[in-house]
């Protein structure tokens, strides 16, 4: 058996949980929408709402904003959202445990 000590670079690589996501497209889109204004996003290709919402939230955080979402009734490929200021509380719905 051979035991080796890992380099500091390798340890940092293994323990770093940050994944850099390119939010340029989302930041550019959000910058056209003022604080308090509403927008609509549409899914393209194989995107999921979970992925798109995460990226939009990251972009909003970079711009010093938060996002409030509202589903579009009858359309599973669109989602309405409101850009809010950094100090505006956003009420999140809690998921119910289904037994």
N, C-alpha and C. Protein backbone atom coordinates (compact mmCIF):
# COMPACT_ATOMS: atom_id res chain seq x y z
N UNK A 1 0.86 -1.17 0.00
CA UNK A 1 0.00 0.00 0.00
C UNK A 1 0.90 1.23 0.00
N UNK A 2 0.44 2.26 -0.71
CA UNK A 2 1.20 3.50 -0.80
C UNK A 2 0.28 4.67 -0.46
N UNK A 3 0.65 5.49 0.50
CA UNK A 3 -0.15 6.64 0.92
C UNK A 3 0.62 7.89 0.58
N UNK A 4 -0.05 8.80 -0.10
CA UNK A 4 0.56 10.06 -0.51
C UNK A 4 -0.23 11.23 0.05
N UNK A 5 0.46 12.28 0.38
CA UNK A 5 -0.20 13.51 0.81
C UNK A 5 -0.57 14.31 -0.43
N UNK A 6 -1.79 14.84 -0.44
CA UNK A 6 -2.25 15.63 -1.57
C UNK A 6 -1.69 17.04 -1.49
N UNK A 7 -1.47 17.63 -2.66
CA UNK A 7 -0.99 19.02 -2.72
C UNK A 7 -2.12 19.96 -2.31
N UNK A 8 -1.76 21.17 -1.93
CA UNK A 8 -2.77 22.16 -1.54
C UNK A 8 -3.73 22.46 -2.69
N UNK A 9 -3.20 22.47 -3.92
CA UNK A 9 -4.04 22.73 -5.09
C UNK A 9 -5.08 21.62 -5.26
N UNK A 10 -4.65 20.38 -5.08
CA UNK A 10 -5.55 19.23 -5.24
C UNK A 10 -6.61 19.23 -4.14
N UNK A 11 -6.23 19.57 -2.91
CA UNK A 11 -7.18 19.65 -1.80
C UNK A 11 -8.22 20.73 -2.08
N UNK A 12 -7.75 21.88 -2.56
CA UNK A 12 -8.68 22.97 -2.89
C UNK A 12 -9.64 22.55 -3.99
N UNK A 13 -9.14 21.81 -4.96
CA UNK A 13 -9.96 21.31 -6.06
C UNK A 13 -11.03 20.35 -5.56
N UNK A 14 -10.67 19.48 -4.63
CA UNK A 14 -11.60 18.49 -4.11
C UNK A 14 -12.62 19.07 -3.14
N UNK A 15 -12.23 20.08 -2.39
CA UNK A 15 -13.12 20.61 -1.36
C UNK A 15 -13.92 21.81 -1.83
N UNK A 16 -13.59 22.36 -2.98
CA UNK A 16 -14.33 23.51 -3.49
C UNK A 16 -15.69 23.04 -4.01
N UNK A 17 -16.74 23.63 -3.49
CA UNK A 17 -18.09 23.25 -3.92
C UNK A 17 -18.65 24.25 -4.90
N UNK A 18 -17.93 25.32 -5.15
CA UNK A 18 -18.44 26.35 -6.05
C UNK A 18 -18.30 25.89 -7.49
N UNK A 19 -19.41 25.98 -8.20
CA UNK A 19 -19.43 25.67 -9.61
C UNK A 19 -19.74 26.98 -10.33
N UNK A 20 -18.85 27.40 -11.18
CA UNK A 20 -19.03 28.67 -11.87
C UNK A 20 -20.01 28.47 -13.02
N UNK A 21 -21.10 29.22 -12.96
CA UNK A 21 -22.13 29.16 -13.99
C UNK A 21 -22.08 30.48 -14.76
N UNK A 22 -22.08 30.41 -16.07
CA UNK A 22 -22.07 31.62 -16.89
C UNK A 22 -23.48 32.21 -16.91
N UNK A 23 -23.63 33.35 -16.24
CA UNK A 23 -24.94 34.00 -16.14
C UNK A 23 -25.02 35.25 -17.00
N UNK A 24 -24.11 35.41 -17.94
CA UNK A 24 -24.06 36.61 -18.77
C UNK A 24 -25.38 36.87 -19.48
N UNK A 25 -25.92 35.85 -20.11
CA UNK A 25 -27.18 35.97 -20.84
C UNK A 25 -28.32 36.40 -19.91
N UNK A 26 -28.33 35.83 -18.71
CA UNK A 26 -29.38 36.14 -17.75
C UNK A 26 -29.21 37.55 -17.19
N UNK A 27 -27.97 37.96 -16.91
CA UNK A 27 -27.71 39.32 -16.41
C UNK A 27 -28.11 40.35 -17.45
N UNK A 28 -27.78 40.09 -18.72
CA UNK A 28 -28.14 41.02 -19.79
C UNK A 28 -29.65 41.15 -19.91
N UNK A 29 -30.36 40.03 -19.81
CA UNK A 29 -31.82 40.07 -19.88
C UNK A 29 -32.42 40.80 -18.69
N UNK A 30 -31.89 40.54 -17.50
CA UNK A 30 -32.40 41.20 -16.30
C UNK A 30 -32.10 42.69 -16.29
N UNK A 31 -31.00 43.09 -16.89
CA UNK A 31 -30.64 44.51 -16.87
C UNK A 31 -31.63 45.35 -17.67
N UNK A 32 -32.39 44.73 -18.57
CA UNK A 32 -33.40 45.46 -19.33
C UNK A 32 -34.70 45.62 -18.55
N UNK A 33 -34.81 44.93 -17.42
CA UNK A 33 -36.02 44.98 -16.59
C UNK A 33 -35.68 45.72 -15.32
N UNK A 34 -36.40 46.78 -15.05
CA UNK A 34 -36.15 47.59 -13.86
C UNK A 34 -36.68 46.93 -12.61
N UNK A 35 -36.22 47.43 -11.47
CA UNK A 35 -36.70 46.91 -10.18
C UNK A 35 -38.20 47.21 -10.07
N UNK A 36 -38.96 46.19 -9.73
CA UNK A 36 -40.42 46.32 -9.62
C UNK A 36 -41.14 45.94 -10.90
N UNK A 37 -40.44 45.81 -12.01
CA UNK A 37 -41.07 45.46 -13.28
C UNK A 37 -41.15 43.94 -13.43
N UNK A 38 -42.05 43.51 -14.31
CA UNK A 38 -42.28 42.08 -14.56
C UNK A 38 -41.68 41.68 -15.90
N UNK A 39 -41.30 40.42 -15.98
CA UNK A 39 -40.79 39.84 -17.22
C UNK A 39 -41.33 38.44 -17.40
N UNK A 40 -41.06 37.86 -18.55
CA UNK A 40 -41.50 36.50 -18.84
C UNK A 40 -40.32 35.73 -19.42
N UNK A 41 -40.10 34.52 -18.95
CA UNK A 41 -39.05 33.70 -19.53
C UNK A 41 -39.68 32.46 -20.15
N UNK A 42 -39.08 32.03 -21.24
CA UNK A 42 -39.55 30.85 -21.96
C UNK A 42 -38.43 29.83 -22.00
N UNK A 43 -38.79 28.58 -21.81
CA UNK A 43 -37.81 27.50 -21.89
C UNK A 43 -37.45 27.25 -23.34
N UNK A 44 -36.17 26.96 -23.58
CA UNK A 44 -35.70 26.64 -24.91
C UNK A 44 -34.96 25.30 -24.88
N UNK A 45 -35.20 24.49 -25.86
CA UNK A 45 -34.49 23.21 -25.97
C UNK A 45 -34.76 22.29 -24.80
N UNK A 46 -33.69 21.79 -24.20
CA UNK A 46 -33.83 20.83 -23.10
C UNK A 46 -33.68 21.49 -21.73
N UNK A 47 -33.90 22.80 -21.63
CA UNK A 47 -33.81 23.50 -20.35
C UNK A 47 -34.95 23.06 -19.43
N UNK A 48 -34.70 23.13 -18.13
CA UNK A 48 -35.74 22.87 -17.15
C UNK A 48 -35.97 24.14 -16.35
N UNK A 49 -37.15 24.27 -15.75
CA UNK A 49 -37.44 25.45 -14.93
C UNK A 49 -36.47 25.54 -13.76
N UNK A 50 -36.12 24.42 -13.21
CA UNK A 50 -35.21 24.42 -12.07
C UNK A 50 -33.86 25.06 -12.44
N UNK A 51 -33.32 24.68 -13.59
CA UNK A 51 -32.04 25.22 -14.05
C UNK A 51 -32.15 26.71 -14.38
N UNK A 52 -33.18 27.08 -15.11
CA UNK A 52 -33.35 28.46 -15.53
C UNK A 52 -33.59 29.37 -14.32
N UNK A 53 -34.41 28.92 -13.37
CA UNK A 53 -34.66 29.73 -12.18
C UNK A 53 -33.39 29.89 -11.35
N UNK A 54 -32.60 28.85 -11.25
CA UNK A 54 -31.34 28.93 -10.49
C UNK A 54 -30.40 29.94 -11.13
N UNK A 55 -30.25 29.88 -12.44
CA UNK A 55 -29.37 30.81 -13.14
C UNK A 55 -29.89 32.24 -13.05
N UNK A 56 -31.20 32.42 -13.15
CA UNK A 56 -31.78 33.76 -13.05
C UNK A 56 -31.60 34.31 -11.64
N UNK A 57 -31.75 33.46 -10.63
CA UNK A 57 -31.52 33.89 -9.25
C UNK A 57 -30.06 34.28 -9.03
N UNK A 58 -29.13 33.52 -9.59
CA UNK A 58 -27.71 33.86 -9.48
C UNK A 58 -27.41 35.21 -10.15
N UNK A 59 -27.98 35.41 -11.34
CA UNK A 59 -27.77 36.67 -12.05
C UNK A 59 -28.37 37.84 -11.27
N UNK A 60 -29.55 37.63 -10.70
CA UNK A 60 -30.19 38.68 -9.92
C UNK A 60 -29.35 39.03 -8.70
N UNK A 61 -28.80 38.03 -8.07
CA UNK A 61 -27.94 38.25 -6.90
C UNK A 61 -26.72 39.08 -7.28
N UNK A 62 -26.13 38.78 -8.45
CA UNK A 62 -24.99 39.54 -8.93
C UNK A 62 -25.36 40.99 -9.20
N UNK A 63 -26.61 41.24 -9.59
CA UNK A 63 -27.08 42.60 -9.86
C UNK A 63 -27.68 43.27 -8.63
N UNK A 64 -27.68 42.57 -7.49
CA UNK A 64 -28.22 43.14 -6.26
C UNK A 64 -29.73 43.13 -6.20
N UNK A 65 -30.35 42.12 -6.78
CA UNK A 65 -31.81 42.01 -6.80
C UNK A 65 -32.24 40.63 -6.33
N UNK A 66 -33.53 40.47 -6.17
CA UNK A 66 -34.14 39.17 -5.93
C UNK A 66 -35.25 38.98 -6.95
N UNK A 67 -35.74 37.76 -7.08
CA UNK A 67 -36.76 37.44 -8.08
C UNK A 67 -37.95 36.78 -7.41
N UNK A 68 -39.14 37.19 -7.83
CA UNK A 68 -40.40 36.57 -7.40
C UNK A 68 -41.03 35.95 -8.65
N UNK A 69 -41.45 34.70 -8.54
CA UNK A 69 -41.98 33.96 -9.70
C UNK A 69 -43.49 33.76 -9.60
N UNK A 70 -44.14 33.74 -10.77
CA UNK A 70 -45.56 33.41 -10.90
C UNK A 70 -45.70 32.53 -12.14
N UNK A 71 -46.35 31.38 -12.02
CA UNK A 71 -46.53 30.53 -13.20
C UNK A 71 -47.52 31.15 -14.19
N UNK A 72 -47.36 30.81 -15.46
CA UNK A 72 -48.28 31.25 -16.50
C UNK A 72 -49.35 30.17 -16.63
N UNK A 73 -50.60 30.49 -16.31
CA UNK A 73 -51.65 29.46 -16.38
C UNK A 73 -51.80 28.91 -17.80
N UNK A 74 -51.82 27.59 -17.90
CA UNK A 74 -52.05 26.93 -19.17
C UNK A 74 -50.84 26.84 -20.09
N UNK A 75 -49.68 27.34 -19.66
CA UNK A 75 -48.48 27.25 -20.50
C UNK A 75 -47.33 26.71 -19.67
N UNK A 76 -46.92 25.49 -19.96
CA UNK A 76 -45.87 24.83 -19.19
C UNK A 76 -44.46 25.23 -19.62
N UNK A 77 -44.33 26.08 -20.64
CA UNK A 77 -43.02 26.48 -21.12
C UNK A 77 -42.69 27.93 -20.79
N UNK A 78 -43.55 28.61 -20.04
CA UNK A 78 -43.31 30.01 -19.71
C UNK A 78 -43.47 30.24 -18.22
N UNK A 79 -42.78 31.26 -17.74
CA UNK A 79 -42.83 31.62 -16.32
C UNK A 79 -42.69 33.13 -16.21
N UNK A 80 -43.61 33.76 -15.48
CA UNK A 80 -43.53 35.19 -15.22
C UNK A 80 -42.69 35.42 -13.98
N UNK A 81 -41.98 36.55 -13.94
CA UNK A 81 -41.18 36.87 -12.77
C UNK A 81 -41.15 38.38 -12.57
N UNK A 82 -40.90 38.78 -11.33
CA UNK A 82 -40.78 40.19 -10.99
C UNK A 82 -39.39 40.41 -10.39
N UNK A 83 -38.72 41.44 -10.87
CA UNK A 83 -37.41 41.79 -10.30
C UNK A 83 -37.64 42.71 -9.12
N UNK A 84 -37.13 42.31 -7.98
CA UNK A 84 -37.31 43.07 -6.75
C UNK A 84 -35.98 43.61 -6.26
N UNK A 85 -36.06 44.61 -5.41
CA UNK A 85 -34.86 45.18 -4.82
C UNK A 85 -34.24 44.23 -3.82
N UNK A 86 -33.03 44.53 -3.36
CA UNK A 86 -32.32 43.62 -2.46
C UNK A 86 -32.96 43.49 -1.08
N UNK A 87 -33.69 44.50 -0.65
CA UNK A 87 -34.28 44.47 0.69
C UNK A 87 -35.74 44.04 0.71
N UNK A 88 -36.29 43.71 -0.46
CA UNK A 88 -37.69 43.29 -0.54
C UNK A 88 -37.80 41.83 -0.16
N UNK A 89 -38.57 41.51 0.88
CA UNK A 89 -38.72 40.09 1.26
C UNK A 89 -39.57 39.35 0.23
N UNK A 90 -39.16 38.14 -0.07
CA UNK A 90 -39.90 37.29 -1.00
C UNK A 90 -40.46 36.13 -0.21
N UNK A 91 -41.79 36.00 -0.22
CA UNK A 91 -42.42 34.92 0.51
C UNK A 91 -42.32 33.64 -0.33
N UNK A 92 -41.67 32.65 0.22
CA UNK A 92 -41.50 31.37 -0.46
C UNK A 92 -42.54 30.39 0.05
N UNK A 93 -43.08 29.60 -0.86
CA UNK A 93 -44.04 28.57 -0.46
C UNK A 93 -43.29 27.36 0.04
N UNK A 94 -43.81 26.76 1.09
CA UNK A 94 -43.21 25.55 1.62
C UNK A 94 -43.85 24.34 0.98
N UNK A 95 -43.03 23.38 0.67
CA UNK A 95 -43.56 22.14 0.11
C UNK A 95 -44.19 21.31 1.22
N UNK A 96 -45.29 20.68 0.89
CA UNK A 96 -45.94 19.81 1.84
C UNK A 96 -45.35 18.41 1.74
N UNK A 97 -45.19 17.77 2.87
CA UNK A 97 -44.76 16.38 2.88
C UNK A 97 -45.95 15.50 2.56
N UNK A 98 -45.83 14.71 1.54
CA UNK A 98 -46.90 13.80 1.15
C UNK A 98 -46.54 12.42 1.67
N UNK A 99 -47.38 11.91 2.51
CA UNK A 99 -47.09 10.61 3.12
C UNK A 99 -47.55 9.47 2.25
